[in-house]
Protein backbone atom coordinates (compact mmCIF):
# COMPACT_ATOMS: atom_id res chain seq x y z
CA UNK A 1 54.91 100.72 67.07
CA UNK A 2 57.62 103.11 68.37
CA UNK A 3 61.23 102.09 67.83
CA UNK A 4 63.11 100.76 70.87
CA UNK A 5 66.44 101.91 69.41
CA UNK A 6 66.75 104.91 71.78
CA UNK A 7 66.35 102.51 74.70
CA UNK A 8 69.03 100.22 73.32
CA UNK A 9 71.33 103.21 72.81
CA UNK A 10 70.71 104.38 76.36
CA UNK A 11 71.66 100.92 77.63
CA UNK A 12 74.78 101.01 75.47
CA UNK A 13 75.69 104.38 76.99
CA UNK A 14 75.36 102.89 80.46
CA UNK A 15 77.54 99.92 79.61
CA UNK A 16 80.18 102.15 78.02
CA UNK A 17 80.21 104.61 80.91
CA UNK A 18 80.62 101.71 83.30
CA UNK A 19 83.94 100.92 81.64
CA UNK A 20 85.37 104.37 82.35
CA UNK A 21 86.18 103.84 86.03
CA UNK A 22 86.59 101.09 88.59
CA UNK A 23 84.13 102.20 91.28
CA UNK A 24 84.68 101.21 94.88
CA UNK A 25 81.64 98.93 94.72
CA UNK A 26 83.11 96.96 91.80
CA UNK A 27 86.45 96.72 93.58
CA UNK A 28 84.79 95.42 96.73
CA UNK A 29 82.74 92.88 94.78
CA UNK A 30 85.89 91.57 93.07
CA UNK A 31 87.84 91.38 96.31
CA UNK A 32 84.95 89.68 98.12
CA UNK A 33 84.63 87.04 95.40
CA UNK A 34 88.41 86.62 95.40
CA UNK A 35 88.37 86.15 99.18
CA UNK A 36 85.73 83.42 98.87
CA UNK A 37 87.79 81.59 96.23
CA UNK A 38 90.94 82.06 98.31
CA UNK A 39 89.21 80.59 101.36
CA UNK A 40 87.92 77.66 99.30
CA UNK A 41 91.37 76.93 97.85
CA UNK A 42 92.90 77.09 101.34
CA UNK A 43 90.31 74.70 102.74
CA UNK A 44 90.90 72.25 99.88
CA UNK A 45 94.66 72.39 100.42
CA UNK A 46 94.36 71.81 104.17
CA UNK A 47 91.90 68.92 103.84
CA UNK A 48 93.89 67.35 101.01
CA UNK A 49 97.24 67.65 102.84
CA UNK A 50 95.78 65.97 105.94
CA UNK A 51 93.84 63.25 104.15
CA UNK A 52 94.91 59.70 103.22
CA UNK A 53 95.72 61.21 99.80
CA UNK A 54 98.37 63.58 101.16
CA UNK A 55 101.00 62.02 98.87
CA UNK A 56 99.03 63.10 95.81
CA UNK A 57 98.93 66.67 97.19
CA UNK A 58 102.71 66.68 97.52
CA UNK A 59 102.86 65.20 94.05
CA UNK A 60 100.80 68.12 92.74
CA UNK A 61 103.20 70.62 94.31
CA UNK A 62 106.18 68.95 92.70
CA UNK A 63 104.55 68.19 89.36
CA UNK A 64 107.23 68.89 86.71
CA UNK A 65 106.47 71.81 84.41
CA UNK A 66 108.58 72.63 81.37
CA UNK A 67 108.45 76.00 79.63
CA UNK A 68 110.24 76.29 76.31
CA UNK A 69 110.74 78.37 73.21
CA UNK A 70 112.97 76.93 70.49
CA UNK A 71 116.11 75.59 72.17
CA UNK A 72 115.43 77.48 75.40
CA UNK A 73 113.97 75.47 78.29
CA UNK A 74 112.99 76.31 81.86
CA UNK A 75 112.05 73.31 83.99
CA UNK A 76 110.47 73.78 87.40
CA UNK A 77 107.86 72.09 89.56
CA UNK A 78 104.33 73.49 89.73
CA UNK A 79 104.87 75.24 93.06
CA UNK A 80 107.86 77.18 91.72
CA UNK A 81 106.02 78.07 88.51
CA UNK A 82 103.16 79.51 90.54
CA UNK A 83 105.41 81.31 93.05
CA UNK A 84 108.05 82.59 90.61
CA UNK A 85 106.05 83.13 87.42
CA UNK A 86 102.30 83.46 87.94
CA UNK A 87 102.74 85.56 91.07
CA UNK A 88 104.52 88.13 88.89
CA UNK A 89 101.02 89.06 87.68
CA UNK A 90 99.94 89.51 91.29
CA UNK A 91 102.88 91.79 92.01
CA UNK A 92 102.35 93.65 88.73
CA UNK A 93 98.77 94.37 89.81
CA UNK A 94 100.00 95.38 93.28
CA UNK A 95 102.47 97.75 91.61
CA UNK A 96 99.74 99.27 89.45
CA UNK A 97 97.54 99.82 92.52
CA UNK A 98 100.42 101.41 94.43
CA UNK A 99 101.26 103.76 91.56
CA UNK A 100 97.62 104.73 91.02
CA UNK A 101 97.11 105.50 94.70
CA UNK A 102 100.35 107.51 94.91
CA UNK A 103 99.64 109.61 91.82
CA UNK A 104 95.87 110.02 91.56
CA UNK A 105 94.35 108.15 94.50
CA UNK A 106 93.98 108.47 98.26
CA UNK A 107 97.75 108.70 98.80
CA UNK A 108 98.21 111.55 96.31
CA UNK A 109 96.79 114.19 98.66
CA UNK A 110 99.28 114.93 101.40
CA UNK A 111 96.89 115.59 104.27
CA UNK A 112 94.62 112.64 103.43
CA UNK A 113 97.61 110.31 103.11
CA UNK A 114 99.00 111.01 106.59
CA UNK A 115 96.61 108.71 108.46
CA UNK A 116 96.87 105.54 106.31
CA UNK A 117 100.63 105.94 105.82
CA UNK A 118 101.21 106.35 109.57
CA UNK A 119 98.86 103.43 110.28
CA UNK A 120 100.67 101.20 107.78
CA UNK A 121 104.09 102.04 109.22
CA UNK A 122 102.89 101.27 112.75
CA UNK A 123 101.28 98.09 111.44
CA UNK A 124 104.64 96.94 110.05
CA UNK A 125 107.02 98.06 112.81
CA UNK A 126 105.16 96.69 115.85
CA UNK A 127 104.58 93.14 114.47
CA UNK A 128 108.24 92.91 113.41
CA UNK A 129 109.29 94.13 116.87
CA UNK A 130 107.16 91.53 118.63
CA UNK A 131 108.50 88.76 116.39
CA UNK A 132 112.14 89.76 116.92
CA UNK A 133 111.62 90.10 120.67
CA UNK A 134 110.96 86.35 120.72
CA UNK A 135 113.33 85.18 117.98
CA UNK A 136 116.30 87.57 117.89
CA UNK A 137 119.55 85.63 117.68
CA UNK A 138 117.85 82.40 116.58
CA UNK A 139 117.97 80.99 113.02
CA UNK A 140 114.20 81.59 112.79
CA UNK A 141 114.81 85.34 113.03
CA UNK A 142 115.18 85.43 109.24
CA UNK A 143 111.38 85.17 109.10
CA UNK A 144 111.00 88.60 110.71
CA UNK A 145 109.02 90.03 107.79
CA UNK A 146 106.36 87.31 107.84
CA UNK A 147 104.00 89.08 110.32
CA UNK A 148 104.25 92.52 108.70
CA UNK A 149 102.03 91.74 105.69
CA UNK A 150 98.30 92.32 105.06
CA UNK A 151 96.16 90.31 102.65
CA UNK A 152 94.00 92.90 100.86
CA UNK A 153 91.54 90.36 99.42
CA UNK A 154 90.70 88.78 102.76
CA UNK A 155 90.73 92.01 104.77
CA UNK A 156 88.54 94.00 102.37
CA UNK A 157 86.38 90.98 101.56
CA UNK A 158 85.48 90.48 105.22
CA UNK A 159 84.85 94.20 105.68
CA UNK A 160 82.44 94.04 102.75
CA UNK A 161 80.41 91.36 104.59
CA UNK A 162 78.77 94.18 106.56
CA UNK A 163 77.71 95.96 103.38
CA UNK A 164 76.44 99.51 103.72
CA UNK A 165 76.79 99.50 107.50
CA UNK A 166 80.50 100.20 106.88
CA UNK A 167 81.32 103.90 106.45
CA UNK A 168 82.97 104.38 103.03
CA UNK A 169 85.85 106.22 104.71
CA UNK A 170 86.71 103.15 106.78
CA UNK A 171 86.95 101.02 103.62
CA UNK A 172 89.17 103.58 101.91
CA UNK A 173 91.36 103.78 105.04
CA UNK A 174 91.85 100.01 105.12
CA UNK A 175 92.56 99.87 101.37
CA UNK A 176 95.10 102.69 101.52
CA UNK A 177 97.00 101.29 104.51
CA UNK A 178 97.04 97.82 102.92
CA UNK A 179 98.53 99.27 99.72
CA UNK A 180 101.27 101.06 101.71
CA UNK A 181 101.81 97.77 103.54
CA UNK A 182 102.25 96.03 100.17
CA UNK A 183 104.81 98.65 99.18
CA UNK A 184 106.75 97.87 102.35
CA UNK A 185 106.57 94.15 101.68
CA UNK A 186 107.86 94.57 98.13
CA UNK A 187 110.78 96.67 99.40
CA UNK A 188 111.61 94.03 102.02
CA UNK A 189 111.56 91.24 99.42
CA UNK A 190 113.89 93.19 97.12
CA UNK A 191 116.31 94.37 99.83
CA UNK A 192 116.44 91.59 102.41
CA UNK A 193 115.60 88.33 100.64
CA UNK A 194 118.14 88.48 97.85
CA UNK A 195 121.04 86.11 98.59
CA UNK A 196 123.17 86.89 95.55
CA UNK A 197 123.20 89.43 92.75
CA UNK A 198 124.59 88.54 89.31
CA UNK A 199 125.95 91.80 87.81
CA UNK A 200 125.29 91.22 84.11
CA UNK A 201 121.64 90.05 84.37
CA UNK A 202 121.01 92.81 86.91
CA UNK A 203 122.43 95.39 84.48
CA UNK A 204 120.25 93.92 81.72
CA UNK A 205 117.22 94.23 84.01
CA UNK A 206 118.01 97.88 84.69
CA UNK A 207 118.40 98.54 80.94
CA UNK A 208 115.05 96.89 80.19
CA UNK A 209 113.45 98.86 83.00
CA UNK A 210 114.84 102.07 81.49
CA UNK A 211 113.41 101.07 78.10
CA UNK A 212 110.03 100.46 79.72
CA UNK A 213 110.10 103.92 81.31
CA UNK A 214 111.07 105.47 77.96
CA UNK A 215 108.23 103.65 76.20
CA UNK A 216 105.78 104.78 78.87
CA UNK A 217 107.03 108.38 78.76
CA UNK A 218 106.53 108.37 74.98
CA UNK A 219 102.87 107.49 75.51
CA UNK A 220 103.28 103.79 74.70
CA UNK A 221 100.02 101.95 75.30
CA UNK A 222 100.20 98.70 73.28
CA UNK A 223 99.60 95.68 75.51
CA UNK A 224 101.76 93.47 73.26
CA UNK A 225 104.79 95.74 73.69
CA UNK A 226 104.33 95.86 77.46
CA UNK A 227 104.01 92.07 77.53
CA UNK A 228 107.28 91.59 75.62
CA UNK A 229 109.06 94.07 77.90
CA UNK A 230 107.58 92.31 80.93
CA UNK A 231 108.70 88.83 79.87
CA UNK A 232 112.25 90.01 79.11
CA UNK A 233 112.43 91.96 82.37
CA UNK A 234 111.14 88.96 84.34
CA UNK A 235 113.81 86.69 82.88
CA UNK A 236 116.61 89.19 83.52
CA UNK A 237 115.47 89.67 87.13
CA UNK A 238 115.15 85.89 87.54
CA UNK A 239 118.76 85.40 86.40
CA UNK A 240 120.01 88.33 88.51
CA UNK A 241 119.22 86.73 91.86
CA UNK A 242 116.46 89.13 92.84
CA UNK A 243 113.19 87.32 93.36
CA UNK A 244 111.52 87.21 89.96
CA UNK A 245 108.26 88.69 91.22
CA UNK A 246 110.03 92.02 91.81
CA UNK A 247 109.93 92.38 88.01
CA UNK A 248 106.16 92.81 88.23
CA UNK A 249 106.46 95.86 90.48
CA UNK A 250 109.33 97.27 88.39
CA UNK A 251 107.27 97.04 85.22
CA UNK A 252 104.20 98.56 86.89
CA UNK A 253 106.25 101.58 87.94
CA UNK A 254 106.92 102.31 84.26
CA UNK A 255 103.31 102.04 83.05
CA UNK A 256 101.92 105.54 82.39
CA UNK A 257 98.95 106.70 84.44
CA UNK A 258 97.86 109.28 81.85
CA UNK A 259 97.30 109.33 78.13
CA UNK A 260 96.89 112.14 75.64
CA UNK A 261 93.22 112.71 74.91
CA UNK A 262 92.04 113.69 71.43
CA UNK A 263 90.57 116.98 72.67
CA UNK A 264 89.45 118.03 69.21
CA UNK A 265 87.40 114.88 68.84
CA UNK A 266 85.87 115.26 72.28
CA UNK A 267 85.02 118.91 71.64
CA UNK A 268 83.47 118.00 68.32
CA UNK A 269 81.32 115.36 70.00
CA UNK A 270 80.36 117.50 73.00
CA UNK A 271 80.16 120.99 71.43
CA UNK A 272 76.41 121.45 71.70
CA UNK A 273 75.30 119.48 68.65
CA UNK A 274 72.97 117.42 70.82
CA UNK A 275 69.78 118.85 69.36
CA UNK A 276 66.91 116.98 67.85
CA UNK A 277 65.54 113.56 68.62
CA UNK A 278 66.42 111.52 71.69
CA UNK A 279 68.03 108.94 69.41
CA UNK A 280 70.49 111.57 68.21
CA UNK A 281 71.29 112.62 71.79
CA UNK A 282 71.96 109.05 72.88
CA UNK A 283 74.09 108.35 69.85
CA UNK A 284 76.29 111.41 70.45
CA UNK A 285 76.65 110.62 74.17
CA UNK A 286 77.57 107.02 73.35
CA UNK A 287 80.26 108.22 70.92
CA UNK A 288 81.63 110.67 73.47
CA UNK A 289 81.70 108.01 76.17
CA UNK A 290 83.49 105.63 73.82
CA UNK A 291 86.09 108.31 73.10
CA UNK A 292 86.67 108.68 76.85
CA UNK A 293 87.08 104.92 77.18
CA UNK A 294 89.73 105.02 74.47
CA UNK A 295 91.49 107.79 76.41
CA UNK A 296 91.94 105.72 79.57
CA UNK A 297 95.55 105.36 80.62
CA UNK A 298 97.41 102.06 80.10
CA UNK A 299 97.62 101.72 83.88
CA UNK A 300 93.84 101.79 84.29
CA UNK A 301 93.29 99.49 81.32
CA UNK A 302 95.82 96.90 82.50
CA UNK A 303 94.54 97.02 86.07
CA UNK A 304 90.95 96.58 84.93
CA UNK A 305 91.85 93.71 82.59
CA UNK A 306 94.16 91.79 84.95
CA UNK A 307 92.34 92.15 88.26
CA UNK A 308 89.76 89.35 87.77
CA UNK A 309 92.38 86.84 86.60
CA UNK A 310 94.67 87.62 89.55
CA UNK A 311 91.90 87.62 92.16
CA UNK A 312 90.00 84.62 90.84
CA UNK A 313 92.78 82.42 89.45
CA UNK A 314 96.37 83.31 90.36
CA UNK A 315 95.92 83.95 94.09
CA UNK A 316 93.63 80.93 94.73
CA UNK A 317 96.11 78.72 92.83
CA UNK A 318 98.91 80.14 95.01
CA UNK A 319 96.90 79.20 98.10
CA UNK A 320 96.22 75.72 96.76
CA UNK A 321 99.91 74.86 96.34
CA UNK A 322 101.17 76.70 99.44
CA UNK A 323 98.55 76.46 102.19
CA UNK A 324 98.48 72.68 102.55
CA UNK A 325 100.21 72.12 105.90
CA UNK A 326 100.09 69.03 108.06
CA UNK A 327 98.09 69.62 111.24
CA UNK A 328 99.08 67.13 113.94
CA UNK A 329 99.98 67.36 117.65
CA UNK A 330 103.65 67.94 116.84
CA UNK A 331 102.83 70.77 114.43
CA UNK A 332 100.38 72.36 116.86
CA UNK A 333 103.05 72.17 119.58
CA UNK A 334 105.31 74.41 117.46
CA UNK A 335 102.73 77.19 117.66
CA UNK A 336 103.81 77.86 121.26
CA UNK A 337 107.50 77.95 120.36
CA UNK A 338 109.13 81.36 119.69
CA UNK A 339 108.67 81.11 115.91
CA UNK A 340 104.96 80.33 116.14
CA UNK A 341 104.32 82.76 118.98
CA UNK A 342 106.11 85.55 117.12
CA UNK A 343 103.64 85.18 114.24
CA UNK A 344 100.59 84.54 116.44
CA UNK A 345 101.32 87.72 118.37
CA UNK A 346 102.74 89.71 115.47
CA UNK A 347 99.79 89.50 113.10
CA UNK A 348 96.63 90.02 115.21
CA UNK A 349 98.11 91.72 118.30
CA UNK A 350 100.93 93.59 116.57
CA UNK A 351 98.65 94.94 113.84
CA UNK A 352 96.02 95.96 116.39
CA UNK A 353 98.51 97.87 118.54
CA UNK A 354 100.60 99.23 115.67
CA UNK A 355 97.81 100.50 113.41
CA UNK A 356 95.56 101.84 116.15
CA UNK A 357 98.43 103.42 118.07
CA UNK A 358 100.05 105.01 115.02
CA UNK A 359 96.66 106.33 113.87
CA UNK A 360 96.07 107.91 117.30
CA UNK A 361 99.49 109.56 117.18
CA UNK A 362 98.87 110.82 113.64
CA UNK A 363 95.61 112.44 114.74
CA UNK A 364 97.12 113.92 117.92
CA UNK A 365 100.49 115.04 116.60
CA UNK A 366 100.33 115.32 112.80
CA UNK A 367 96.96 116.93 112.23
CA UNK A 368 95.36 113.89 110.61
CA UNK A 369 91.64 113.23 110.95
CA UNK A 370 89.56 110.07 111.10
CA UNK A 371 87.43 109.47 107.98
CA UNK A 372 83.83 110.70 108.14
CA UNK A 373 81.59 108.41 110.16
CA UNK A 374 84.52 106.40 111.52
CA UNK A 375 85.15 105.86 115.24
CA UNK A 376 88.19 104.58 117.10
CA UNK A 377 86.60 101.15 117.75
CA UNK A 378 86.06 100.86 113.99
CA UNK A 379 89.73 101.70 113.39
CA UNK A 380 90.67 98.95 115.87
CA UNK A 381 88.43 96.48 114.02
CA UNK A 382 90.06 97.40 110.69
CA UNK A 383 93.46 96.96 112.36
CA UNK A 384 92.50 93.43 113.37
CA UNK A 385 91.41 92.63 109.81
CA UNK A 386 94.78 93.95 108.62
CA UNK A 387 96.28 91.17 110.74
CA UNK A 388 95.13 88.68 108.10
CA UNK A 389 98.55 88.20 106.52
CA UNK A 390 97.89 85.11 104.45
CA UNK A 391 99.01 85.54 100.81
CA UNK A 392 101.91 87.94 101.42
CA UNK A 393 102.89 86.24 104.68
CA UNK A 394 102.99 82.80 103.05
CA UNK A 395 104.99 84.24 100.18
CA UNK A 396 107.57 85.84 102.50
CA UNK A 397 107.73 82.62 104.53
CA UNK A 398 108.66 80.71 101.38
CA UNK A 399 111.45 83.20 100.68
CA UNK A 400 112.69 83.17 104.27
CA UNK A 401 112.79 79.43 104.90
CA UNK A 402 112.77 77.71 101.49
CA UNK A 403 112.53 73.98 102.10
CA UNK A 404 113.64 74.29 105.73
CA UNK A 405 111.52 72.42 108.28
CA UNK A 406 110.64 75.77 109.84
CA UNK A 407 108.53 76.54 106.75
CA UNK A 408 105.72 74.16 107.75
CA UNK A 409 105.53 75.64 111.27
CA UNK A 410 105.52 79.16 109.79
CA UNK A 411 102.70 78.33 107.38
CA UNK A 412 100.59 76.85 110.15
CA UNK A 413 101.23 79.88 112.38
CA UNK A 414 100.26 82.25 109.53
CA UNK A 415 96.99 80.37 108.99
CA UNK A 416 96.20 80.32 112.72
CA UNK A 417 97.10 83.99 113.21
CA UNK A 418 95.08 85.04 110.16
CA UNK A 419 92.08 83.10 111.47
CA UNK A 420 92.36 84.80 114.88
CA UNK A 421 92.63 88.22 113.23
CA UNK A 422 89.61 87.52 111.00
CA UNK A 423 87.40 86.30 113.84
CA UNK A 424 88.46 89.16 116.10
CA UNK A 425 87.89 91.77 113.42
CA UNK A 426 84.46 90.40 112.48
CA UNK A 427 83.34 90.22 116.12
CA UNK A 428 84.45 93.78 116.84
CA UNK A 429 82.87 95.12 113.65
CA UNK A 430 79.58 93.43 114.50
CA UNK A 431 79.64 95.18 117.87
CA UNK A 432 80.68 98.69 116.82
CA UNK A 433 79.12 99.26 113.38
CA UNK A 434 75.72 100.97 113.29
CA UNK A 435 72.79 98.58 112.92
CA UNK A 436 71.50 100.54 109.93
CA UNK A 437 73.46 102.44 107.26
CA UNK A 438 73.62 106.18 107.81
CA UNK A 439 71.83 108.53 105.42
CA UNK A 440 75.24 109.54 104.00
CA UNK A 441 76.11 105.89 103.34
CA UNK A 442 72.75 105.24 101.73
CA UNK A 443 73.31 108.10 99.34
């Protein structure tokens, strides 16, 4: 009976090669699953907060959590631990995605980056303008950044519902503009939602950041070292007065996106010694593929390792402890007040006008081009999906209003606006996407 070892080796090659990159299909699958879990966590929070057991939901939010090491103690409730500590992983992943796109992704090529960058800027400026037009001069104006955010998981997850009917270029466009949007949100959090700045911890944070850059520049790739640097940087940022999650983006900026490859080893493995039996060929290819896996940059390795935990655990947990708002006639009445209207208009309407309008200007005036197979109605549909603010919007709302009574109204408005944007985007996509995938998409 012939040996099945060559077949096993071929399968091993396939598994190894699959670890080399994060294909768009894998990214979409992760984001779609994350969106489902996010939706489920939101539904649980809403039902729980409006049930006869609402007190237990509030008790969960304020459940005491103590973190300690030796004589050092940090005591917070569960909501603050999630928002100030676990969400650092979310922002670290966001930072990695931003850096990857800027250096080697869709935003690294000047001409290709014009359209999504212009769209993202329009999608931030117009919603903020609409919000301020209704709230300027009022105390609620400090929530101006709430409608400028886009939730990548929900937006991309809903786009993926239509499968191969969606032109790949439209997906890449939405991803790229959402990443630029995230960059804007991070800058806003760092610059505008810092009430005080303690000089010594801030100086310590800058020193640790410099050490992280030096370690990255020296080719540092050990996860343990990056973890230690990350924990120390987080604590210094936390003490400085900046929101602690900014530490995640700071650390991501220092993670190297390239790593020295052992060229001699690769040449030895790939130098034409693949003669003889199929088993020999498969074995050499498997070794070469494994060498390439080892050569992946720390940025790609960390992004690949963290993404499932962030999408499937951290973000749904954030939704569980933050999305539970009381829905009653009084709360619904606040949706038609300036604060609620600013968000209801800012997210779906502002994103639609801002992204579509800025994209049109970029094509007309800056020489940009729509992605292959993409039409203007499709761009408008993607703009509506970008109006799903959710995770980032809820996060900014927490920073803007703290425990103020305006926070509950803001959360409800974010949920309502995100729902409107999702339904509008899905309806428009269903109308404008081709009924069958094009030959290019099938390929």
